[in-house]
N, C-alpha and C. Protein backbone atom coordinates (compact mmCIF):
# COMPACT_ATOMS: atom_id res chain seq x y z
N MET A 1 69.37 64.88 106.10
CA MET A 1 70.76 64.86 105.68
C MET A 1 71.02 65.96 104.64
N LEU A 2 70.14 66.09 103.66
CA LEU A 2 70.29 67.11 102.64
C LEU A 2 70.18 68.51 103.24
N ALA A 3 69.25 68.69 104.20
CA ALA A 3 69.08 69.99 104.85
C ALA A 3 70.34 70.38 105.60
N ALA A 4 70.98 69.44 106.28
CA ALA A 4 72.21 69.71 107.01
C ALA A 4 73.32 70.11 106.04
N PHE A 5 73.38 69.46 104.89
CA PHE A 5 74.38 69.79 103.89
C PHE A 5 74.16 71.20 103.34
N ILE A 6 72.91 71.53 103.02
CA ILE A 6 72.59 72.87 102.50
C ILE A 6 72.94 73.93 103.54
N LEU A 7 72.62 73.68 104.81
CA LEU A 7 72.95 74.61 105.88
C LEU A 7 74.46 74.78 105.99
N ALA A 8 75.21 73.70 105.92
CA ALA A 8 76.67 73.77 106.01
C ALA A 8 77.25 74.56 104.85
N VAL A 9 76.73 74.35 103.65
CA VAL A 9 77.21 75.09 102.48
C VAL A 9 76.88 76.57 102.63
N SER A 10 75.68 76.90 103.09
CA SER A 10 75.29 78.30 103.28
C SER A 10 76.19 78.99 104.27
N VAL A 11 76.46 78.35 105.40
CA VAL A 11 77.32 78.94 106.42
C VAL A 11 78.74 79.10 105.90
N SER A 12 79.23 78.09 105.16
CA SER A 12 80.60 78.18 104.65
C SER A 12 80.73 79.26 103.59
N GLN A 13 79.62 79.66 102.98
CA GLN A 13 79.67 80.70 101.96
C GLN A 13 79.30 82.07 102.51
N GLY A 14 79.28 82.21 103.83
CA GLY A 14 79.03 83.51 104.42
C GLY A 14 77.57 83.83 104.62
N GLN A 15 76.70 82.85 104.62
CA GLN A 15 75.29 83.11 104.83
C GLN A 15 74.92 82.72 106.25
N ASP A 16 74.10 83.55 106.89
CA ASP A 16 73.65 83.21 108.23
C ASP A 16 72.40 82.33 108.14
N MET A 17 71.86 81.98 109.29
CA MET A 17 70.71 81.09 109.35
C MET A 17 69.50 81.69 108.63
N LYS A 18 69.40 83.00 108.51
CA LYS A 18 68.29 83.65 107.84
C LYS A 18 68.52 83.69 106.33
N GLY A 19 69.65 83.21 105.87
CA GLY A 19 69.92 83.20 104.45
C GLY A 19 70.65 84.42 103.94
N GLY A 20 70.99 85.35 104.81
CA GLY A 20 71.69 86.55 104.37
C GLY A 20 73.20 86.38 104.40
N ASP A 21 73.87 87.15 103.58
CA ASP A 21 75.33 87.11 103.54
C ASP A 21 75.93 88.04 104.57
N LYS A 22 77.07 87.62 105.12
CA LYS A 22 77.80 88.42 106.10
C LYS A 22 79.17 88.79 105.52
N TYR A 23 79.56 90.05 105.75
CA TYR A 23 80.81 90.55 105.21
C TYR A 23 81.64 91.19 106.31
N VAL A 24 82.95 91.19 106.13
CA VAL A 24 83.85 91.90 107.03
C VAL A 24 84.82 92.72 106.19
N PHE A 25 85.00 93.97 106.59
CA PHE A 25 85.95 94.89 105.95
C PHE A 25 86.94 95.34 107.01
N VAL A 26 88.20 95.43 106.65
CA VAL A 26 89.22 96.05 107.50
C VAL A 26 89.66 97.29 106.73
N ILE A 27 89.45 98.46 107.34
CA ILE A 27 89.77 99.70 106.62
C ILE A 27 90.83 100.50 107.38
N SER A 28 91.66 101.18 106.62
CA SER A 28 92.70 102.03 107.21
C SER A 28 92.43 103.51 106.93
N LYS A 29 91.48 103.79 106.07
CA LYS A 29 91.12 105.18 105.77
C LYS A 29 89.62 105.35 106.01
N ILE A 30 89.27 106.39 106.73
CA ILE A 30 87.88 106.60 107.14
C ILE A 30 86.95 106.82 105.95
N ASN A 31 87.46 107.38 104.85
CA ASN A 31 86.58 107.63 103.69
C ASN A 31 86.05 106.33 103.09
N TYR A 32 86.70 105.19 103.35
CA TYR A 32 86.18 103.91 102.89
C TYR A 32 84.84 103.59 103.55
N LEU A 33 84.64 104.11 104.75
CA LEU A 33 83.40 103.86 105.48
C LEU A 33 82.20 104.41 104.71
N LYS A 34 82.39 105.55 104.07
CA LYS A 34 81.31 106.14 103.27
C LYS A 34 80.95 105.21 102.11
N ALA A 35 81.94 104.66 101.45
CA ALA A 35 81.68 103.76 100.33
C ALA A 35 80.98 102.49 100.79
N ILE A 36 81.38 101.96 101.94
CA ILE A 36 80.75 100.75 102.47
C ILE A 36 79.29 101.03 102.83
N GLU A 37 79.06 102.12 103.54
CA GLU A 37 77.70 102.48 103.95
C GLU A 37 76.82 102.68 102.72
N ASP A 38 77.33 103.36 101.71
CA ASP A 38 76.57 103.60 100.48
C ASP A 38 76.27 102.28 99.77
N ALA A 39 77.26 101.40 99.69
CA ALA A 39 77.08 100.12 99.01
C ALA A 39 76.02 99.27 99.70
N VAL A 40 76.04 99.24 101.03
CA VAL A 40 75.06 98.44 101.76
C VAL A 40 73.67 99.06 101.64
N SER A 41 73.60 100.38 101.72
CA SER A 41 72.30 101.07 101.65
C SER A 41 71.64 100.98 100.29
N THR A 42 72.44 100.97 99.23
CA THR A 42 71.88 100.99 97.88
C THR A 42 72.00 99.65 97.16
N SER A 43 72.40 98.61 97.88
CA SER A 43 72.61 97.31 97.23
C SER A 43 71.30 96.72 96.74
N ASP A 44 71.42 95.97 95.70
CA ASP A 44 70.28 95.24 95.15
C ASP A 44 69.86 94.18 96.16
N PRO A 45 68.57 94.03 96.38
CA PRO A 45 68.10 93.03 97.35
C PRO A 45 68.60 91.61 97.07
N SER A 46 68.95 91.32 95.82
CA SER A 46 69.43 89.98 95.49
C SER A 46 70.77 89.67 96.17
N LEU A 47 71.48 90.70 96.61
CA LEU A 47 72.73 90.46 97.35
C LEU A 47 72.45 89.86 98.73
N ASN A 48 71.27 90.15 99.27
CA ASN A 48 70.84 89.55 100.53
C ASN A 48 71.86 89.76 101.66
N ILE A 49 72.27 90.99 101.86
CA ILE A 49 73.24 91.32 102.91
C ILE A 49 72.53 91.34 104.26
N SER A 50 72.99 90.53 105.19
CA SER A 50 72.39 90.51 106.53
C SER A 50 73.24 91.26 107.55
N GLU A 51 74.55 91.26 107.36
CA GLU A 51 75.43 91.93 108.33
C GLU A 51 76.75 92.30 107.68
N VAL A 52 77.25 93.48 108.06
CA VAL A 52 78.56 93.93 107.61
C VAL A 52 79.32 94.41 108.85
N ARG A 53 80.47 93.82 109.08
CA ARG A 53 81.33 94.27 110.17
C ARG A 53 82.49 95.06 109.56
N VAL A 54 82.70 96.25 110.09
CA VAL A 54 83.78 97.11 109.61
C VAL A 54 84.75 97.30 110.78
N ILE A 55 85.98 96.90 110.57
CA ILE A 55 87.02 97.03 111.59
C ILE A 55 87.94 98.17 111.17
N LEU A 56 87.97 99.23 111.98
CA LEU A 56 88.83 100.36 111.69
C LEU A 56 90.22 100.08 112.25
N CYS A 57 91.22 100.14 111.38
CA CYS A 57 92.60 99.90 111.75
C CYS A 57 93.46 101.06 111.26
N GLY A 58 94.69 101.09 111.74
CA GLY A 58 95.62 102.13 111.31
C GLY A 58 95.09 103.52 111.59
N GLU A 59 95.33 104.44 110.66
CA GLU A 59 94.97 105.84 110.85
C GLU A 59 93.47 106.08 110.95
N SER A 60 92.66 105.15 110.48
CA SER A 60 91.21 105.36 110.52
C SER A 60 90.68 105.48 111.95
N VAL A 61 91.40 104.95 112.95
CA VAL A 61 90.91 105.04 114.33
C VAL A 61 90.94 106.48 114.85
N LYS A 62 91.70 107.35 114.20
CA LYS A 62 91.72 108.76 114.60
C LYS A 62 90.36 109.42 114.41
N ALA A 63 89.52 108.83 113.58
CA ALA A 63 88.18 109.37 113.33
C ALA A 63 87.35 109.39 114.60
N PHE A 64 87.64 108.51 115.55
CA PHE A 64 86.90 108.49 116.81
C PHE A 64 87.22 109.75 117.62
N GLU A 65 88.48 110.15 117.64
CA GLU A 65 88.88 111.39 118.33
C GLU A 65 88.28 112.62 117.66
N GLU A 66 88.27 112.58 116.36
CA GLU A 66 87.82 113.73 115.57
C GLU A 66 86.30 113.82 115.50
N LYS A 67 85.61 112.85 116.08
CA LYS A 67 84.14 112.81 116.05
C LYS A 67 83.63 112.92 114.60
N ASN A 68 84.24 112.14 113.73
CA ASN A 68 83.90 112.15 112.32
C ASN A 68 82.43 111.80 112.13
N PRO A 69 81.67 112.60 111.37
CA PRO A 69 80.24 112.34 111.18
C PRO A 69 79.94 111.01 110.48
N LEU A 70 80.88 110.47 109.74
CA LEU A 70 80.66 109.17 109.10
C LEU A 70 80.45 108.07 110.14
N ILE A 71 81.13 108.20 111.28
CA ILE A 71 80.98 107.22 112.35
C ILE A 71 79.53 107.23 112.85
N GLU A 72 79.04 108.40 113.17
CA GLU A 72 77.69 108.53 113.70
C GLU A 72 76.65 108.05 112.69
N LYS A 73 76.81 108.42 111.43
CA LYS A 73 75.87 108.00 110.39
C LYS A 73 75.85 106.48 110.27
N THR A 74 77.02 105.88 110.27
CA THR A 74 77.12 104.43 110.09
C THR A 74 76.55 103.68 111.29
N LEU A 75 76.69 104.25 112.48
CA LEU A 75 76.16 103.59 113.68
C LEU A 75 74.65 103.44 113.62
N HIS A 76 73.98 104.27 112.84
CA HIS A 76 72.53 104.19 112.72
C HIS A 76 72.07 103.21 111.64
N HIS A 77 73.03 102.62 110.95
CA HIS A 77 72.68 101.66 109.90
C HIS A 77 72.46 100.30 110.54
N GLU A 78 71.31 99.72 110.31
CA GLU A 78 70.93 98.47 110.99
C GLU A 78 71.79 97.26 110.64
N LYS A 79 72.43 97.27 109.47
CA LYS A 79 73.20 96.10 109.05
C LYS A 79 74.70 96.22 109.30
N ILE A 80 75.18 97.43 109.64
CA ILE A 80 76.62 97.65 109.79
C ILE A 80 77.00 97.76 111.25
N LYS A 81 78.05 97.03 111.63
CA LYS A 81 78.59 97.09 112.99
C LYS A 81 80.04 97.55 112.91
N LEU A 82 80.39 98.53 113.75
CA LEU A 82 81.74 99.09 113.74
C LEU A 82 82.58 98.54 114.89
N TYR A 83 83.86 98.33 114.60
CA TYR A 83 84.82 97.87 115.59
C TYR A 83 86.12 98.64 115.41
N ALA A 84 86.82 98.86 116.52
CA ALA A 84 88.13 99.51 116.48
C ALA A 84 89.19 98.47 116.81
N CYS A 85 90.29 98.54 116.10
CA CYS A 85 91.43 97.66 116.36
C CYS A 85 92.21 98.21 117.56
N GLY A 86 92.35 97.40 118.60
CA GLY A 86 93.05 97.82 119.80
C GLY A 86 94.51 98.15 119.55
N LEU A 87 95.17 97.39 118.70
CA LEU A 87 96.58 97.67 118.38
C LEU A 87 96.71 99.02 117.70
N SER A 88 95.77 99.34 116.83
CA SER A 88 95.80 100.64 116.14
C SER A 88 95.51 101.77 117.10
N LEU A 89 94.57 101.57 118.03
CA LEU A 89 94.31 102.60 119.03
C LEU A 89 95.58 102.91 119.81
N GLU A 90 96.30 101.86 120.21
CA GLU A 90 97.57 102.06 120.93
C GLU A 90 98.59 102.80 120.07
N GLN A 91 98.77 102.33 118.84
CA GLN A 91 99.77 102.91 117.95
C GLN A 91 99.48 104.37 117.64
N MET A 92 98.22 104.70 117.46
CA MET A 92 97.84 106.08 117.12
C MET A 92 97.58 106.93 118.36
N LYS A 93 97.79 106.32 119.53
CA LYS A 93 97.62 107.02 120.81
C LYS A 93 96.20 107.59 120.97
N VAL A 94 95.22 106.76 120.62
CA VAL A 94 93.81 107.12 120.77
C VAL A 94 93.30 106.36 121.99
N ASN A 95 92.76 107.09 122.95
CA ASN A 95 92.25 106.49 124.17
C ASN A 95 91.00 105.67 123.86
N PRO A 96 90.99 104.38 124.16
CA PRO A 96 89.82 103.55 123.85
C PRO A 96 88.55 103.98 124.60
N ARG A 97 88.69 104.75 125.65
CA ARG A 97 87.52 105.20 126.41
C ARG A 97 86.66 106.20 125.63
N ILE A 98 87.23 106.79 124.57
CA ILE A 98 86.46 107.76 123.80
C ILE A 98 85.59 107.11 122.73
N LEU A 99 85.66 105.79 122.60
CA LEU A 99 84.86 105.13 121.57
C LEU A 99 83.38 105.41 121.81
N THR A 100 82.70 105.75 120.75
CA THR A 100 81.29 106.05 120.79
C THR A 100 80.51 104.80 121.19
N ALA A 101 79.43 104.99 121.93
CA ALA A 101 78.57 103.86 122.28
C ALA A 101 78.13 103.15 121.00
N GLY A 102 78.18 101.87 121.01
CA GLY A 102 77.81 101.10 119.83
C GLY A 102 79.00 100.64 119.01
N VAL A 103 80.20 101.14 119.34
CA VAL A 103 81.42 100.72 118.66
C VAL A 103 82.11 99.68 119.52
N GLY A 104 82.36 98.53 118.95
CA GLY A 104 83.08 97.48 119.67
C GLY A 104 84.57 97.64 119.47
N SER A 105 85.33 96.84 120.19
CA SER A 105 86.77 96.84 119.98
C SER A 105 87.27 95.41 119.98
N VAL A 106 88.30 95.20 119.22
CA VAL A 106 88.97 93.90 119.13
C VAL A 106 90.45 94.14 119.33
N ARG A 107 91.15 93.18 119.86
CA ARG A 107 92.58 93.36 120.13
C ARG A 107 93.38 93.57 118.85
N ASN A 108 93.13 92.73 117.84
CA ASN A 108 93.88 92.79 116.59
C ASN A 108 92.88 92.68 115.44
N GLY A 109 92.72 93.75 114.69
CA GLY A 109 91.73 93.79 113.62
C GLY A 109 91.95 92.77 112.52
N LEU A 110 93.21 92.54 112.15
CA LEU A 110 93.49 91.58 111.09
C LEU A 110 93.19 90.16 111.55
N LEU A 111 93.55 89.85 112.80
CA LEU A 111 93.25 88.53 113.33
C LEU A 111 91.74 88.32 113.42
N GLU A 112 91.02 89.34 113.87
CA GLU A 112 89.56 89.24 113.96
C GLU A 112 88.95 88.97 112.59
N ALA A 113 89.45 89.63 111.56
CA ALA A 113 88.94 89.41 110.20
C ALA A 113 89.20 87.97 109.75
N MET A 114 90.36 87.44 110.09
CA MET A 114 90.68 86.06 109.73
C MET A 114 89.75 85.08 110.44
N ILE A 115 89.47 85.36 111.71
CA ILE A 115 88.56 84.50 112.48
C ILE A 115 87.16 84.55 111.88
N LEU A 116 86.69 85.75 111.56
CA LEU A 116 85.36 85.89 110.97
C LEU A 116 85.28 85.21 109.61
N GLU A 117 86.35 85.31 108.83
CA GLU A 117 86.37 84.65 107.53
C GLU A 117 86.26 83.13 107.71
N LYS A 118 86.93 82.61 108.70
CA LYS A 118 86.86 81.18 109.01
C LYS A 118 85.44 80.78 109.42
N LYS A 119 84.69 81.73 110.03
CA LYS A 119 83.32 81.47 110.45
C LYS A 119 82.31 81.67 109.33
N GLY A 120 82.80 82.02 108.14
CA GLY A 120 81.91 82.15 107.00
C GLY A 120 81.67 83.54 106.48
N TYR A 121 82.22 84.56 107.14
CA TYR A 121 82.07 85.93 106.63
C TYR A 121 82.90 86.05 105.35
N LYS A 122 82.41 86.85 104.43
CA LYS A 122 83.16 87.15 103.21
C LYS A 122 84.04 88.36 103.52
N LYS A 123 85.34 88.20 103.38
CA LYS A 123 86.27 89.29 103.65
C LYS A 123 86.45 90.10 102.37
N MET A 124 86.21 91.40 102.50
CA MET A 124 86.32 92.28 101.36
C MET A 124 87.48 93.24 101.59
N ASP A 125 88.30 93.40 100.60
CA ASP A 125 89.44 94.31 100.68
C ASP A 125 89.19 95.54 99.84
N LEU A 126 89.60 96.68 100.38
CA LEU A 126 89.50 97.94 99.64
C LEU A 126 90.88 98.42 99.28
């Protein structure tokens, strides 16, 4: 009974089964990606970060067309997963077929962040 309670508290606080914390960021400017990547790479081990999801929304989706090097660098980071907001791709007239391998897409980035927050991810705003 106590173990189930501890597990429930851990999940509700953004921790996965391995005990690591999960975070979600919604960014509208590509330069925020550099700050996120740096923070995850240089974080103190006591933060216990297991996963970071970054959803690019608004003008930041143009970085896929521009082949921004931050995208490629971040894709090689084992803890960071990139996603593109489908509504932003439409609004900015960016063809979703150009998304780099390893980049996911979601229909609505803000809705996805709310869903992830409900699942225990810590939502961080920049």
